Amino acid sequence: MSERPPISPRSPRAALEPEQVPPPPKRSERARNPFVVVGNAIITVVLVLMIGVGGTYIYGKQKIEAPGPLQEDKVVNIPARAGMTDIADILQREGVIDNNRWAFIGSVFALKARSELKPGEYSFQKNASLRDVIGTMVEGKVVQHAVTIPEGLTSEQIVARLSDNDIFSGSVREVPREGTLLPETYKFPRGTPRDQVIARMQQTQKRVLAEIWERRNPDIPIKTPEQLVTLASIVEKETGKADERSRVAAVFVNRLRQKIKLQSDPTIIYGLVGGKGTLGRPIKRSEIQQPSPYNTYVVDGLPPGPIANPGRASLEAAANPARTRDLFFVADGTGGHAFSDTYDLHQKNVAKLRTMEKQIQNDTVEPADDPAPAAAGTPGDAAPTATTAKPVPAKKPARSSSPARQGAAQSTVLPPTVSPPVVQQ
């Protein structure tokens, strides 16, 4: 038997203590290197930043792409010289963005659009996201306002219309020459200077006139584009019906060929009031032969210049009139005109108009009360009394024209020996 070592008795406390504590592991020299410590710190910081940036990117992308609070399409005006904070306040006040304007400012920086935001009037769509809002302002997609200039207005009247329209800015330094503006529907952003509007209308007129002049009938007795505008302005003032323009132009072209005075009433009016364009009353009989460079009852051929700004259709009609022998036209009482190539037929058309006017007059006379008895001893010479109805003056035959058009006071082209009907004394 082997002998066991003797067991020496220990106190309870000593029995509970471990016999030998293991020494701590030695730290490697590499781990204690300061470059390793710094590298570990950098890696940790980079990881934290990457996680933060990634989270911010995901949140920002969702915020930029998220539908906005706008409940319906809305037009908002961003004034010139407005800063980014001012723009954010305006958009927030108008309900285009939510109450967190810093999200808008942050999105502007994220999209690198700080210096690209343009002032103007913008239409933001319903639920437009921040990306949509910022993109619209960066691209400058401002609202375009449609402005319609009716045919047949004088340059002075057009300038007055532009001056009364509050979407434009500035003033017109000089009224442009008559006939140099093309009446049409144009689109302009709010704040466009009025001089730019005039310049655009003049450029458009030059382009359209050049195109029409190239396509003109070479047989017409018109020598220059300016004369074409003059003839077209008379056609424009004489009729507002599209299907009559070429035939009205043919009447004047035929008269020019045969050296007959044009005898157009709108030329009388322009000779009297010029660019104002509106006489405001019927032509007086004394004014028909009143000397004026524009009065075609007095002067031969065309007047020295246009009497209005004709539209594209009237320019086309003057350049390519209908092939007819018509020399006369008179209002037919229904808004149009009756045309004729002989004086006898013209007289019949005038007689029809007179009959129609007389019928209108009879239909509009108020019924009289019971007439007072005639004075005794004077049969057949009864004087009118206060109870006798007074006839209503005959109505002028209707013309098919827009409210802005001031056409001829009488729509009759007559030889010099025939007095125009129903004029003011």
Protein backbone atom coordinates (compact mmCIF):
# COMPACT_ATOMS: atom_id res chain seq x y z
CA MET A 1 0.00 0.00 0.00
CA SER A 2 1.14 3.44 -0.89
CA GLU A 3 1.28 5.89 1.77
CA ARG A 4 -0.91 8.90 1.48
CA PRO A 5 0.36 12.26 2.56
CA PRO A 6 -0.95 13.27 5.86
CA ILE A 7 -3.95 15.57 5.80
CA SER A 8 -3.32 18.64 7.74
CA PRO A 9 -6.41 20.12 9.25
CA ARG A 10 -7.57 23.62 7.90
CA SER A 11 -9.91 26.09 9.26
CA PRO A 12 -13.31 26.44 7.58
CA ARG A 13 -12.36 29.80 6.14
CA ALA A 14 -9.20 28.46 4.64
CA ALA A 15 -11.10 25.56 3.18
CA LEU A 16 -13.35 27.94 1.29
CA GLU A 17 -10.50 29.87 -0.28
CA PRO A 18 -9.04 28.59 -3.52
CA GLU A 19 -5.71 27.04 -3.18
CA GLN A 20 -4.16 29.11 -6.04
CA VAL A 21 -5.50 32.00 -8.14
CA PRO A 22 -4.62 31.67 -11.85
CA PRO A 23 -2.59 34.61 -13.10
CA PRO A 24 -4.33 36.99 -15.59
CA PRO A 25 -3.50 36.42 -19.25
CA LYS A 26 -0.79 38.61 -20.54
CA ARG A 27 -1.91 41.34 -23.02
CA SER A 28 -0.15 41.06 -26.33
CA GLU A 29 2.26 43.72 -27.31
CA ARG A 30 0.29 44.30 -30.55
CA ALA A 31 -2.94 45.05 -28.72
CA ARG A 32 -1.19 47.62 -26.65
CA ASN A 33 0.07 49.40 -29.78
CA PRO A 34 -1.43 52.97 -29.90
CA PHE A 35 -1.95 52.76 -33.66
CA VAL A 36 -4.19 49.75 -33.17
CA VAL A 37 -6.14 51.57 -30.50
CA VAL A 38 -6.63 54.60 -32.74
CA GLY A 39 -7.55 52.39 -35.69
CA ASN A 40 -10.17 50.57 -33.68
CA ALA A 41 -11.63 53.89 -32.55
CA ILE A 42 -11.76 55.19 -36.12
CA ILE A 43 -13.45 52.06 -37.38
CA THR A 44 -16.02 52.31 -34.62
CA VAL A 45 -16.73 55.97 -35.40
CA VAL A 46 -16.98 55.23 -39.14
CA LEU A 47 -19.43 52.42 -38.52
CA VAL A 48 -21.55 54.62 -36.29
CA LEU A 49 -21.48 57.41 -38.91
CA MET A 50 -22.38 55.02 -41.70
CA ILE A 51 -25.30 53.73 -39.75
CA GLY A 52 -26.37 57.31 -38.95
CA VAL A 53 -25.96 58.53 -42.50
CA GLY A 54 -27.78 55.52 -43.87
CA GLY A 55 -30.64 56.06 -41.48
CA THR A 56 -30.75 59.76 -42.29
CA TYR A 57 -30.69 59.04 -46.02
CA ILE A 58 -33.55 56.58 -45.77
CA TYR A 59 -35.57 58.98 -43.61
CA GLY A 60 -34.77 61.97 -45.83
CA LYS A 61 -35.65 60.08 -49.01
CA GLN A 62 -38.95 59.04 -47.55
CA LYS A 63 -39.59 62.62 -46.41
CA ILE A 64 -38.74 64.12 -49.80
CA GLU A 65 -40.83 61.61 -51.70
CA ALA A 66 -43.78 61.53 -49.29
CA PRO A 67 -47.07 63.15 -50.48
CA GLY A 68 -47.47 66.71 -49.25
CA PRO A 69 -50.38 68.20 -47.28
CA LEU A 70 -51.90 70.14 -50.20
CA GLN A 71 -55.54 69.07 -50.56
CA GLU A 72 -56.08 70.52 -54.05
CA ASP A 73 -54.12 72.22 -56.81
CA LYS A 74 -53.07 75.70 -55.78
CA VAL A 75 -51.36 78.70 -57.36
CA VAL A 76 -48.73 80.38 -55.18
CA ASN A 77 -46.75 83.49 -56.01
CA ILE A 78 -43.09 83.52 -54.93
CA PRO A 79 -41.91 87.13 -55.05
CA ALA A 80 -38.57 88.18 -56.47
CA ARG A 81 -35.62 88.35 -54.08
CA ALA A 82 -37.31 85.94 -51.63
CA GLY A 83 -34.75 83.95 -49.62
CA MET A 84 -34.94 80.25 -48.92
CA THR A 85 -36.44 80.84 -45.47
CA ASP A 86 -38.98 83.28 -46.93
CA ILE A 87 -39.95 80.72 -49.55
CA ALA A 88 -40.37 78.07 -46.87
CA ASP A 89 -42.61 80.41 -44.85
CA ILE A 90 -44.77 81.18 -47.91
CA LEU A 91 -45.15 77.53 -48.85
CA GLN A 92 -45.96 76.62 -45.26
CA ARG A 93 -48.54 79.41 -44.99
CA GLU A 94 -50.19 78.33 -48.24
CA GLY A 95 -50.34 74.70 -47.11
CA VAL A 96 -47.98 73.40 -49.79
CA ILE A 97 -45.58 71.96 -47.20
CA ASP A 98 -46.23 70.85 -43.64
CA ASN A 99 -45.35 72.80 -40.52
CA ASN A 100 -41.76 71.53 -40.49
CA ARG A 101 -40.15 74.15 -42.72
CA TRP A 102 -36.72 72.76 -41.86
CA ALA A 103 -37.60 69.65 -43.82
CA PHE A 104 -38.03 71.88 -46.89
CA ILE A 105 -34.75 73.69 -46.22
CA GLY A 106 -32.96 70.40 -45.68
CA SER A 107 -34.42 69.02 -48.87
CA VAL A 108 -33.22 72.06 -50.80
CA PHE A 109 -29.68 71.45 -49.56
CA ALA A 110 -29.97 67.71 -50.20
CA LEU A 111 -31.05 68.35 -53.80
CA LYS A 112 -28.38 71.04 -54.23
CA ALA A 113 -31.02 73.54 -55.30
CA ARG A 114 -30.29 76.47 -52.99
CA SER A 115 -29.21 78.81 -55.80
CA GLU A 116 -31.62 77.35 -58.37
CA LEU A 117 -34.97 78.35 -56.84
CA LYS A 118 -36.65 80.87 -59.15
CA PRO A 119 -39.33 83.40 -58.21
CA GLY A 120 -42.66 83.44 -60.03
CA GLU A 121 -46.23 82.24 -59.93
CA TYR A 122 -46.42 78.46 -59.63
CA SER A 123 -49.23 75.94 -59.75
CA PHE A 124 -48.54 73.14 -57.28
CA GLN A 125 -50.50 69.94 -57.72
CA LYS A 126 -52.48 68.20 -55.04
CA ASN A 127 -50.29 66.27 -52.56
CA ALA A 128 -47.13 67.55 -54.26
CA SER A 129 -44.05 66.10 -52.55
CA LEU A 130 -41.07 68.21 -51.51
CA ARG A 131 -39.20 66.91 -54.56
CA ASP A 132 -42.09 68.01 -56.81
CA VAL A 133 -42.30 71.43 -55.19
CA ILE A 134 -38.57 72.09 -55.39
CA GLY A 135 -38.35 70.66 -58.94
CA THR A 136 -41.14 72.94 -60.15
CA MET A 137 -39.34 76.01 -58.80
CA VAL A 138 -35.94 74.92 -60.11
CA GLU A 139 -37.32 74.39 -63.63
CA GLY A 140 -39.20 77.69 -63.49
CA LYS A 141 -42.53 76.17 -64.53
CA VAL A 142 -44.45 79.37 -63.87
CA VAL A 143 -48.17 79.77 -64.60
CA GLN A 144 -48.89 81.02 -68.11
CA HIS A 145 -51.89 83.38 -68.34
CA ALA A 146 -53.84 83.36 -71.60
CA VAL A 147 -54.50 86.89 -72.90
CA THR A 148 -56.80 87.32 -75.90
CA ILE A 149 -56.56 90.45 -78.05
CA PRO A 150 -59.67 90.70 -80.27
CA GLU A 151 -59.35 91.45 -83.97
CA GLY A 152 -60.15 94.92 -85.21
CA LEU A 153 -58.88 96.96 -82.25
CA THR A 154 -56.68 99.95 -82.84
CA SER A 155 -53.20 100.07 -81.34
CA GLU A 156 -54.39 102.66 -78.84
CA GLN A 157 -57.21 100.37 -77.73
CA ILE A 158 -54.83 97.41 -77.38
CA VAL A 159 -52.43 99.43 -75.24
CA ALA A 160 -55.37 100.46 -73.03
CA ARG A 161 -56.33 96.80 -72.56
CA LEU A 162 -52.79 95.85 -71.62
CA SER A 163 -52.63 98.75 -69.17
CA ASP A 164 -55.82 97.55 -67.47
CA ASN A 165 -54.55 93.97 -67.12
CA ASP A 166 -52.87 93.55 -63.73
CA ILE A 167 -50.81 90.49 -64.67
CA PHE A 168 -48.41 92.76 -66.57
CA SER A 169 -45.87 95.20 -65.19
CA GLY A 170 -44.33 98.44 -66.37
CA SER A 171 -45.82 100.78 -68.93
CA VAL A 172 -45.87 101.19 -72.69
CA ARG A 173 -43.56 104.04 -73.62
CA GLU A 174 -45.09 104.62 -77.05
CA VAL A 175 -48.24 103.48 -78.82
CA PRO A 176 -47.11 101.28 -81.74
CA ARG A 177 -47.99 102.10 -85.33
CA GLU A 178 -51.45 101.08 -86.45
CA GLY A 179 -51.63 97.61 -87.95
CA THR A 180 -48.30 96.37 -86.53
CA LEU A 181 -49.84 94.18 -83.78
CA LEU A 182 -51.34 90.77 -84.43
CA PRO A 183 -54.57 90.12 -82.49
CA GLU A 184 -54.38 86.60 -81.09
CA THR A 185 -54.40 84.62 -77.86
CA TYR A 186 -51.02 84.80 -76.17
CA LYS A 187 -49.68 83.28 -72.96
CA PHE A 188 -47.56 85.27 -70.53
CA PRO A 189 -46.32 84.70 -66.97
CA ARG A 190 -47.37 87.18 -64.31
CA GLY A 191 -45.12 90.20 -64.15
CA THR A 192 -44.23 90.31 -67.85
CA PRO A 193 -43.36 93.91 -68.81
CA ARG A 194 -45.93 95.46 -71.13
CA ASP A 195 -43.22 96.54 -73.58
CA GLN A 196 -42.27 92.86 -73.96
CA VAL A 197 -45.90 92.02 -74.69
CA ILE A 198 -46.00 94.67 -77.43
CA ALA A 199 -42.69 93.43 -78.85
CA ARG A 200 -43.95 89.86 -79.02
CA MET A 201 -47.17 90.94 -80.78
CA GLN A 202 -45.13 92.92 -83.32
CA GLN A 203 -42.76 90.03 -83.98
CA THR A 204 -45.68 87.65 -84.46
CA GLN A 205 -47.35 90.09 -86.86
CA LYS A 206 -44.18 90.39 -88.96
CA ARG A 207 -43.80 86.64 -89.18
CA VAL A 208 -47.45 85.97 -90.07
CA LEU A 209 -47.57 88.85 -92.57
CA ALA A 210 -44.44 87.57 -94.33
CA GLU A 211 -45.93 84.07 -94.61
CA ILE A 212 -49.26 85.36 -95.98
CA TRP A 213 -47.56 87.78 -98.38
CA GLU A 214 -45.62 84.90 -99.91
CA ARG A 215 -48.87 82.98 -100.50
CA ARG A 216 -50.87 85.93 -101.87
CA ASN A 217 -52.69 85.92 -105.18
CA PRO A 218 -50.28 87.78 -107.50
CA ASP A 219 -53.20 89.27 -109.44
CA ILE A 220 -54.50 91.45 -106.61
CA PRO A 221 -53.81 95.20 -107.06
CA ILE A 222 -51.78 95.36 -103.85
CA LYS A 223 -48.12 96.32 -104.18
CA THR A 224 -46.68 96.04 -100.66
CA PRO A 225 -47.29 94.10 -97.42
CA GLU A 226 -48.22 97.41 -95.79
CA GLN A 227 -51.02 97.92 -98.33
CA LEU A 228 -52.18 94.38 -97.64
CA VAL A 229 -52.49 95.22 -93.93
CA THR A 230 -54.46 98.37 -94.80
CA LEU A 231 -56.94 96.45 -96.96
CA ALA A 232 -57.22 93.69 -94.34
CA SER A 233 -58.00 96.27 -91.65
CA ILE A 234 -60.95 97.56 -93.69
CA VAL A 235 -62.20 94.01 -94.25
CA GLU A 236 -61.83 93.36 -90.52
CA LYS A 237 -63.99 96.35 -89.62
CA GLU A 238 -66.63 95.65 -92.26
CA THR A 239 -67.62 92.12 -91.23
CA GLY A 240 -67.32 89.82 -88.28
CA LYS A 241 -68.50 86.71 -90.14
CA ALA A 242 -65.72 84.31 -91.06
CA ASP A 243 -67.45 83.08 -94.22
CA GLU A 244 -67.84 86.64 -95.56
CA ARG A 245 -64.31 87.96 -95.23
CA SER A 246 -62.98 86.76 -98.58
CA ARG A 247 -66.08 88.04 -100.39
CA VAL A 248 -65.92 91.45 -98.70
CA ALA A 249 -62.25 91.58 -99.66
CA ALA A 250 -63.25 90.73 -103.24
CA VAL A 251 -65.61 93.73 -103.39
CA PHE A 252 -62.81 96.13 -102.43
CA VAL A 253 -60.28 94.43 -104.72
CA ASN A 254 -62.72 94.67 -107.65
CA ARG A 255 -63.28 98.34 -106.88
CA LEU A 256 -59.54 98.98 -106.74
CA ARG A 257 -59.16 97.31 -110.14
CA GLN A 258 -61.94 99.44 -111.65
CA LYS A 259 -60.73 102.64 -109.91
CA ILE A 260 -64.00 102.99 -107.98
CA LYS A 261 -63.87 104.61 -104.56
CA LEU A 262 -64.00 102.04 -101.78
CA GLN A 263 -66.66 103.99 -99.79
CA SER A 264 -66.13 102.11 -96.53
CA ASP A 265 -67.81 103.66 -93.50
CA PRO A 266 -65.15 102.51 -90.97
CA THR A 267 -62.64 104.72 -92.82
CA ILE A 268 -64.89 107.71 -92.13
CA ILE A 269 -64.90 106.84 -88.44
CA TYR A 270 -61.12 106.43 -88.28
CA GLY A 271 -60.67 109.78 -90.02
CA LEU A 272 -62.83 111.38 -87.32
CA VAL A 273 -61.56 109.73 -84.12
CA GLY A 274 -58.28 108.05 -85.09
CA GLY A 275 -56.93 105.51 -82.64
CA LYS A 276 -59.91 105.83 -80.30
CA GLY A 277 -61.68 103.59 -82.78
CA THR A 278 -65.23 104.27 -81.63
CA LEU A 279 -67.44 107.12 -82.77
CA GLY A 280 -70.19 106.35 -80.27
CA ARG A 281 -72.98 107.50 -82.57
CA PRO A 282 -74.16 107.12 -86.17
CA ILE A 283 -72.23 108.90 -88.89
CA LYS A 284 -73.67 112.28 -89.74
CA ARG A 285 -74.64 113.01 -93.31
CA SER A 286 -72.24 115.96 -93.34
CA GLU A 287 -69.35 113.70 -92.32
CA ILE A 288 -69.66 111.40 -95.33
CA GLN A 289 -67.98 113.88 -97.65
CA GLN A 290 -65.86 115.49 -94.96
CA PRO A 291 -62.26 115.69 -96.25
CA SER A 292 -59.91 113.25 -94.53
CA PRO A 293 -56.93 111.19 -95.75
CA TYR A 294 -58.76 108.10 -94.47
CA ASN A 295 -62.27 108.84 -95.78
CA THR A 296 -62.63 106.49 -98.77
CA TYR A 297 -65.79 108.30 -99.83
CA VAL A 298 -63.45 111.19 -100.69
CA VAL A 299 -60.01 109.71 -101.48
CA ASP A 300 -59.26 107.30 -104.30
CA GLY A 301 -57.89 103.86 -103.57
CA LEU A 302 -56.66 102.78 -100.16
CA PRO A 303 -56.22 105.16 -97.23
CA PRO A 304 -52.63 106.02 -96.23
CA GLY A 305 -52.48 103.31 -93.57
CA PRO A 306 -54.45 100.71 -91.62
CA ILE A 307 -57.49 101.73 -89.60
CA ALA A 308 -57.10 98.87 -87.08
CA ASN A 309 -55.06 95.76 -86.37
CA PRO A 310 -56.47 92.97 -88.56
CA GLY A 311 -56.35 89.33 -87.54
CA ARG A 312 -54.82 86.43 -89.41
CA ALA A 313 -58.13 85.52 -91.15
CA SER A 314 -58.63 89.02 -92.57
CA LEU A 315 -55.02 89.12 -93.79
CA GLU A 316 -55.59 85.79 -95.53
CA ALA A 317 -58.83 87.08 -97.07
CA ALA A 318 -57.17 90.25 -98.35
CA ALA A 319 -54.28 88.26 -99.84
CA ASN A 320 -56.55 85.68 -101.48
CA PRO A 321 -60.00 87.22 -102.02
CA ALA A 322 -62.90 85.29 -103.49
CA ARG A 323 -63.13 85.21 -107.27
CA THR A 324 -66.33 87.21 -107.79
CA ARG A 325 -67.49 90.26 -109.73
CA ASP A 326 -69.19 91.79 -106.70
CA LEU A 327 -68.97 95.56 -106.39
CA PHE A 328 -71.57 96.17 -103.68
CA PHE A 329 -72.73 94.75 -100.37
CA VAL A 330 -75.38 95.84 -97.90
CA ALA A 331 -76.55 94.49 -94.56
CA ASP A 332 -79.21 91.81 -94.99
CA GLY A 333 -80.82 92.36 -91.58
CA THR A 334 -79.75 89.00 -90.20
CA GLY A 335 -76.16 89.81 -89.23
CA GLY A 336 -74.68 89.19 -92.67
CA HIS A 337 -74.56 90.99 -95.99
CA ALA A 338 -76.17 90.73 -99.40
CA PHE A 339 -73.67 91.01 -102.26
CA SER A 340 -74.25 92.11 -105.85
CA ASP A 341 -72.29 92.83 -109.00
CA THR A 342 -74.68 95.38 -110.53
CA TYR A 343 -76.13 98.58 -109.24
CA ASP A 344 -79.71 97.52 -110.05
CA LEU A 345 -79.42 94.35 -107.98
CA HIS A 346 -77.80 96.34 -105.22
CA GLN A 347 -80.75 98.73 -105.20
CA LYS A 348 -83.09 95.78 -104.80
CA ASN A 349 -81.05 94.55 -101.84
CA VAL A 350 -81.22 98.02 -100.31
CA ALA A 351 -85.00 98.06 -100.85
CA LYS A 352 -85.29 94.72 -99.03
CA LEU A 353 -83.33 96.17 -96.13
CA ARG A 354 -85.58 99.25 -96.04
CA THR A 355 -88.69 97.06 -96.02
CA MET A 356 -87.27 95.02 -93.16
CA GLU A 357 -86.38 98.17 -91.21
CA LYS A 358 -89.87 99.56 -91.77
CA GLN A 359 -91.42 96.31 -90.56
CA ILE A 360 -89.24 96.42 -87.44
CA GLN A 361 -90.35 100.01 -86.87
CA ASN A 362 -94.03 99.08 -87.21
CA ASP A 363 -93.60 96.13 -84.87
CA THR A 364 -92.03 98.31 -82.21
CA VAL A 365 -94.59 101.15 -82.24
CA GLU A 366 -96.46 101.25 -78.93
CA PRO A 367 -100.26 100.85 -79.24
CA ALA A 368 -102.07 104.18 -78.95
CA ASP A 369 -104.81 104.94 -76.47
CA ASP A 370 -108.26 105.92 -77.74
CA PRO A 371 -107.66 108.98 -79.95
CA ALA A 372 -109.18 112.29 -78.88
CA PRO A 373 -112.07 113.51 -81.05
CA ALA A 374 -111.17 115.88 -83.86
CA ALA A 375 -111.99 119.54 -83.46
CA ALA A 376 -115.38 120.50 -84.82
CA GLY A 377 -115.42 121.95 -88.29
CA THR A 378 -111.99 120.59 -89.19
CA PRO A 379 -112.61 117.15 -90.61
CA GLY A 380 -109.48 115.37 -91.66
CA ASP A 381 -107.18 117.86 -89.88
CA ALA A 382 -107.18 116.33 -86.43
CA ALA A 383 -104.02 117.31 -84.60
CA PRO A 384 -102.05 114.70 -82.67
CA THR A 385 -102.65 114.76 -78.95
CA ALA A 386 -100.62 113.73 -75.95
CA THR A 387 -102.24 110.32 -76.06
CA THR A 388 -100.94 109.56 -79.53
CA ALA A 389 -98.08 107.09 -79.43
CA LYS A 390 -94.75 108.28 -80.75
CA PRO A 391 -93.05 105.86 -83.17
CA VAL A 392 -89.84 104.21 -81.99
CA PRO A 393 -86.89 104.82 -84.33
CA ALA A 394 -85.95 101.90 -86.54
CA LYS A 395 -83.34 99.54 -85.15
CA LYS A 396 -80.07 99.17 -86.96
CA PRO A 397 -79.68 95.74 -88.59
CA ALA A 398 -77.63 93.45 -86.40
CA ARG A 399 -74.02 92.74 -87.29
CA SER A 400 -72.26 89.56 -86.37
CA SER A 401 -69.33 91.00 -84.51
CA SER A 402 -67.66 90.84 -81.16
CA PRO A 403 -68.27 93.60 -78.58
CA ALA A 404 -64.77 94.92 -79.18
CA ARG A 405 -65.35 95.36 -82.94
CA GLN A 406 -66.53 98.78 -84.10
CA GLY A 407 -67.62 98.19 -87.67
CA ALA A 408 -69.19 100.46 -90.21
CA ALA A 409 -72.04 102.66 -89.11
CA GLN A 410 -73.72 101.56 -92.32
CA SER A 411 -72.80 98.31 -94.05
CA THR A 412 -73.50 99.60 -97.55
CA VAL A 413 -70.99 100.18 -100.31
CA LEU A 414 -72.66 102.64 -102.65
CA PRO A 415 -71.82 104.73 -105.72
CA PRO A 416 -71.26 108.41 -104.95
CA THR A 417 -74.71 109.39 -106.24
CA VAL A 418 -76.59 107.33 -103.63
CA SER A 419 -76.87 108.71 -100.12
CA PRO A 420 -76.12 106.25 -97.32
CA PRO A 421 -79.23 105.24 -95.39
CA VAL A 422 -80.23 106.32 -91.89
CA VAL A 423 -77.53 108.74 -90.87
CA GLN A 424 -77.63 111.37 -88.18
CA GLN A 425 -78.18 114.91 -89.39
